[in-house]
Amino acid sequence: MADINANLSIPDVKKIAVLANIPLTDEEARKLAGELTQTLHFIEKIKKIDTKDIKPTSHVTGLSNVYRDDQISPSLTQKEALSQAKSTYKGYFKVPAVLKD
């Protein structure tokens, strides 16, 4: 594979695509070669940033406990929910099997 400081070649991109099981046309491989090269060059720039005094974060939004408490709200009764069902069985919707033996 190409050196990170070099440009990715079209054969490199095609090899990556084969490994990832992604079919690519020649035009797509040519386009991706440039885009992936730019991405790799950017990663190289990021690697040079001194982060030894930076505290790791689990997420960057700053949000904490974004979950709300469960609240009971009015809803259909079981009888109402099943009232328009094509077929029911012991209080449940009856549907055709979707799995075969």
Protein backbone atom coordinates (compact mmCIF):
# COMPACT_ATOMS: atom_id res chain seq x y z
CA MET A 1 0.00 0.00 0.00
CA ALA A 2 1.08 3.57 -0.63
CA ASP A 3 3.03 5.59 1.93
CA ILE A 4 0.77 7.94 3.89
CA ASN A 5 2.74 10.93 2.60
CA ALA A 6 2.22 9.81 -1.00
CA ASN A 7 -0.95 9.73 -3.04
CA LEU A 8 -3.08 6.60 -3.03
CA SER A 9 -3.06 4.98 -6.41
CA ILE A 10 -6.13 3.67 -8.20
CA PRO A 11 -4.89 0.06 -7.73
CA ASP A 12 -4.59 0.79 -3.97
CA VAL A 13 -8.18 2.01 -3.88
CA LYS A 14 -9.41 -0.98 -5.87
CA LYS A 15 -7.59 -3.35 -3.51
CA ILE A 16 -9.21 -1.66 -0.50
CA ALA A 17 -12.59 -1.88 -2.22
CA VAL A 18 -12.13 -5.60 -2.87
CA LEU A 19 -11.17 -6.18 0.78
CA ALA A 20 -14.26 -4.22 1.89
CA ASN A 21 -16.42 -6.05 -0.68
CA ILE A 22 -17.43 -2.74 -2.30
CA PRO A 23 -17.83 -2.81 -6.08
CA LEU A 24 -16.28 0.29 -7.72
CA THR A 25 -16.19 1.56 -11.26
CA ASP A 26 -12.92 2.97 -12.61
CA GLU A 27 -14.37 6.47 -12.33
CA GLU A 28 -15.35 5.91 -8.68
CA ALA A 29 -11.90 4.50 -7.88
CA ARG A 30 -10.24 7.52 -9.51
CA LYS A 31 -12.41 9.93 -7.49
CA LEU A 32 -11.91 8.02 -4.24
CA ALA A 33 -8.15 7.89 -4.73
CA GLY A 34 -8.02 11.67 -4.42
CA GLU A 35 -10.53 11.87 -1.59
CA LEU A 36 -8.87 9.14 0.47
CA THR A 37 -5.46 10.70 -0.10
CA GLN A 38 -6.77 14.01 1.26
CA THR A 39 -8.24 12.20 4.26
CA LEU A 40 -4.95 10.43 5.00
CA HIS A 41 -3.00 13.69 4.72
CA PHE A 42 -5.43 15.31 7.16
CA ILE A 43 -5.01 12.42 9.60
CA GLU A 44 -1.24 12.92 9.41
CA LYS A 45 -1.71 16.58 10.37
CA ILE A 46 -3.93 15.60 13.30
CA LYS A 47 -1.36 13.04 14.51
CA LYS A 48 1.16 15.88 14.93
CA ILE A 49 -1.01 17.72 17.46
CA ASP A 50 0.35 17.49 21.02
CA THR A 51 -2.48 16.01 23.10
CA LYS A 52 -0.54 14.74 26.11
CA ASP A 53 -2.17 17.29 28.47
CA ILE A 54 -5.66 16.93 27.01
CA LYS A 55 -8.14 15.09 29.17
CA PRO A 56 -9.98 12.33 27.24
CA THR A 57 -13.73 12.76 26.80
CA SER A 58 -16.41 10.17 26.35
CA HIS A 59 -18.42 12.53 24.13
CA VAL A 60 -18.06 16.09 22.94
CA THR A 61 -21.59 17.45 23.29
CA GLY A 62 -21.30 18.25 26.99
CA LEU A 63 -24.74 16.79 27.58
CA SER A 64 -25.42 14.62 30.57
CA ASN A 65 -28.35 12.31 31.21
CA VAL A 66 -30.40 13.20 28.16
CA TYR A 67 -32.95 10.54 29.01
CA ARG A 68 -36.32 11.56 30.42
CA ASP A 69 -38.33 9.70 33.02
CA ASP A 70 -40.98 7.38 31.64
CA GLN A 71 -44.37 9.06 31.70
CA ILE A 72 -47.63 7.20 31.43
CA SER A 73 -49.94 8.80 28.91
CA PRO A 74 -53.37 7.87 27.61
CA SER A 75 -53.31 5.09 25.05
CA LEU A 76 -55.55 2.50 23.48
CA THR A 77 -56.89 -0.37 25.52
CA GLN A 78 -55.98 -3.84 24.31
CA LYS A 79 -59.53 -4.29 23.02
CA GLU A 80 -59.35 -0.98 21.10
CA ALA A 81 -55.94 -1.82 19.64
CA LEU A 82 -57.16 -5.20 18.41
CA SER A 83 -60.55 -3.96 17.18
CA GLN A 84 -59.38 -3.41 13.58
CA ALA A 85 -57.09 -6.45 13.41
CA LYS A 86 -57.71 -8.90 10.60
CA SER A 87 -57.13 -11.81 12.97
CA THR A 88 -56.44 -12.19 16.70
CA TYR A 89 -55.56 -15.01 19.08
CA LYS A 90 -55.88 -14.80 22.89
CA GLY A 91 -55.49 -11.02 22.95
CA TYR A 92 -52.68 -10.78 20.38
CA PHE A 93 -52.45 -9.86 16.71
CA LYS A 94 -52.34 -13.01 14.60
CA VAL A 95 -50.09 -12.72 11.56
CA PRO A 96 -48.76 -15.16 8.99
CA ALA A 97 -45.45 -16.81 9.85
CA VAL A 98 -42.46 -15.02 8.32
CA LEU A 99 -39.86 -17.70 9.07
CA LYS A 100 -39.64 -21.02 7.32
CA ASP A 101 -38.28 -24.31 8.68
